[in-house]
């Protein structure tokens, strides 16, 4: 089960890409692409869990979403070359 602390992972159809795109803004860049919406969402949830585990293992703070200001707060980007 995905722990929702940063936002809701979501998938939507992309006419530009011609497939479903699963994203989790505020936690990870990029996403999961594919023709099957349910499979894209399942793969996205797995990717989110892996990103969380990696961030925790490396001692990074997980991002927090401040709904009142609609801004992401927190952690550095994974793989951005910094700590």
C-alpha atoms as a PDB file:
ATOM      1  CA  UNK A   1       0.000   0.000   0.000  1.00  0.00           C
ATOM      2  CA  UNK A   2       1.354   3.419  -0.951  1.00  0.00           C
ATOM      3  CA  UNK A   3       1.727   5.812   1.955  1.00  0.00           C
ATOM      4  CA  UNK A   4       0.231   9.088   0.762  1.00  0.00           C
ATOM      5  CA  UNK A   5       2.224  11.925   2.298  1.00  0.00           C
ATOM      6  CA  UNK A   6       3.167  13.942  -0.764  1.00  0.00           C
ATOM      7  CA  UNK A   7       0.225  13.721  -3.097  1.00  0.00           C
ATOM      8  CA  UNK A   8      -1.845  11.145  -4.876  1.00  0.00           C
ATOM      9  CA  UNK A   9      -0.213   9.044  -7.576  1.00  0.00           C
ATOM     10  CA  UNK A  10      -2.383   9.316 -10.654  1.00  0.00           C
ATOM     11  CA  UNK A  11      -2.625   8.150 -14.211  1.00  0.00           C
ATOM     12  CA  UNK A  12      -4.202   9.891 -17.151  1.00  0.00           C
ATOM     13  CA  UNK A  13      -4.402   9.470 -20.899  1.00  0.00           C
ATOM     14  CA  UNK A  14      -1.839  11.445 -22.891  1.00  0.00           C
ATOM     15  CA  UNK A  15      -2.857  12.192 -26.470  1.00  0.00           C
ATOM     16  CA  UNK A  16       0.677  13.401 -27.120  1.00  0.00           C
ATOM     17  CA  UNK A  17       2.233  10.106 -25.991  1.00  0.00           C
ATOM     18  CA  UNK A  18      -0.648   7.894 -27.155  1.00  0.00           C
ATOM     19  CA  UNK A  19      -0.750   6.013 -23.859  1.00  0.00           C
ATOM     20  CA  UNK A  20      -1.534   6.332 -20.161  1.00  0.00           C
ATOM     21  CA  UNK A  21       0.983   8.255 -18.077  1.00  0.00           C
ATOM     22  CA  UNK A  22       1.281   7.603 -14.351  1.00  0.00           C
ATOM     23  CA  UNK A  23       2.848  10.404 -12.322  1.00  0.00           C
ATOM     24  CA  UNK A  24       3.449  11.363  -8.715  1.00  0.00           C
ATOM     25  CA  UNK A  25       4.375  15.054  -8.707  1.00  0.00           C
ATOM     26  CA  UNK A  26       6.387  16.273  -5.782  1.00  0.00           C
ATOM     27  CA  UNK A  27       7.968  12.895  -5.174  1.00  0.00           C
ATOM     28  CA  UNK A  28       9.539  11.791  -8.436  1.00  0.00           C
ATOM     29  CA  UNK A  29      10.275  13.142 -11.874  1.00  0.00           C
ATOM     30  CA  UNK A  30       9.092  11.211 -14.886  1.00  0.00           C
ATOM     31  CA  UNK A  31       6.554   8.466 -14.580  1.00  0.00           C
ATOM     32  CA  UNK A  32       5.260   5.197 -15.919  1.00  0.00           C
ATOM     33  CA  UNK A  33       3.901   4.836 -19.446  1.00  0.00           C
ATOM     34  CA  UNK A  34       1.738   2.144 -21.009  1.00  0.00           C
ATOM     35  CA  UNK A  35      -1.444   1.227 -22.895  1.00  0.00           C
ATOM     36  CA  UNK A  36      -3.231  -0.380 -19.909  1.00  0.00           C
ATOM     37  CA  UNK A  37      -4.455   2.097 -17.275  1.00  0.00           C
ATOM     38  CA  UNK A  38      -4.632  -0.436 -14.416  1.00  0.00           C
ATOM     39  CA  UNK A  39      -1.153  -1.794 -15.149  1.00  0.00           C
ATOM     40  CA  UNK A  40       0.306   1.716 -15.371  1.00  0.00           C
ATOM     41  CA  UNK A  41      -1.212   2.586 -11.985  1.00  0.00           C
ATOM     42  CA  UNK A  42       0.056  -0.650 -10.388  1.00  0.00           C
ATOM     43  CA  UNK A  43       3.560  -0.013 -11.739  1.00  0.00           C
ATOM     44  CA  UNK A  44       3.398   3.597 -10.573  1.00  0.00           C
ATOM     45  CA  UNK A  45       2.499   2.530  -7.030  1.00  0.00           C
ATOM     46  CA  UNK A  46       5.453   0.115  -7.031  1.00  0.00           C
ATOM     47  CA  UNK A  47       7.774   2.879  -8.279  1.00  0.00           C
ATOM     48  CA  UNK A  48       6.509   5.228  -5.546  1.00  0.00           C
ATOM     49  CA  UNK A  49       7.227   2.597  -2.875  1.00  0.00           C
ATOM     50  CA  UNK A  50      10.741   2.113  -4.289  1.00  0.00           C
ATOM     51  CA  UNK A  51      11.436   5.863  -4.291  1.00  0.00           C
ATOM     52  CA  UNK A  52      10.232   6.134  -0.681  1.00  0.00           C
ATOM     53  CA  UNK A  53      12.432   3.209   0.386  1.00  0.00           C
ATOM     54  CA  UNK A  54      15.454   4.735  -1.367  1.00  0.00           C
ATOM     55  CA  UNK A  55      14.878   8.157   0.178  1.00  0.00           C
ATOM     56  CA  UNK A  56      14.491   6.661   3.657  1.00  0.00           C
ATOM     57  CA  UNK A  57      17.606   4.492   3.210  1.00  0.00           C
ATOM     58  CA  UNK A  58      19.628   7.555   2.171  1.00  0.00           C
ATOM     59  CA  UNK A  59      18.289   9.661   5.042  1.00  0.00           C
ATOM     60  CA  UNK A  60      16.354  12.146   2.877  1.00  0.00           C
ATOM     61  CA  UNK A  61      13.236  13.832   4.195  1.00  0.00           C
ATOM     62  CA  UNK A  62      10.079  12.854   2.379  1.00  0.00           C
ATOM     63  CA  UNK A  63       8.196  15.769   0.822  1.00  0.00           C
ATOM     64  CA  UNK A  64       5.103  17.139   2.525  1.00  0.00           C
ATOM     65  CA  UNK A  65       2.228  18.680   0.655  1.00  0.00           C
ATOM     66  CA  UNK A  66       0.786  21.905   2.046  1.00  0.00           C
ATOM     67  CA  UNK A  67      -2.749  21.964   0.704  1.00  0.00           C
ATOM     68  CA  UNK A  68      -3.521  25.512   1.757  1.00  0.00           C
ATOM     69  CA  UNK A  69      -0.683  26.949  -0.315  1.00  0.00           C
ATOM     70  CA  UNK A  70      -0.657  24.280  -3.047  1.00  0.00           C
ATOM     71  CA  UNK A  71       3.108  23.940  -2.780  1.00  0.00           C
ATOM     72  CA  UNK A  72       5.395  20.966  -2.336  1.00  0.00           C
ATOM     73  CA  UNK A  73       7.750  21.152   0.617  1.00  0.00           C
ATOM     74  CA  UNK A  74      10.724  19.006   1.385  1.00  0.00           C
ATOM     75  CA  UNK A  75      13.074  16.498  -0.103  1.00  0.00           C
ATOM     76  CA  UNK A  76      15.720  16.873  -2.766  1.00  0.00           C
ATOM     77  CA  UNK A  77      15.225  15.152  -6.111  1.00  0.00           C
ATOM     78  CA  UNK A  78      16.524  11.586  -6.349  1.00  0.00           C
ATOM     79  CA  UNK A  79      19.421  11.291  -8.776  1.00  0.00           C
ATOM     80  CA  UNK A  80      19.930  15.052  -8.985  1.00  0.00           C
ATOM     81  CA  UNK A  81      23.588  14.685  -8.116  1.00  0.00           C
ATOM     82  CA  UNK A  82      23.271  16.279  -4.693  1.00  0.00           C
ATOM     83  CA  UNK A  83      22.572  15.350  -1.129  1.00  0.00           C
END
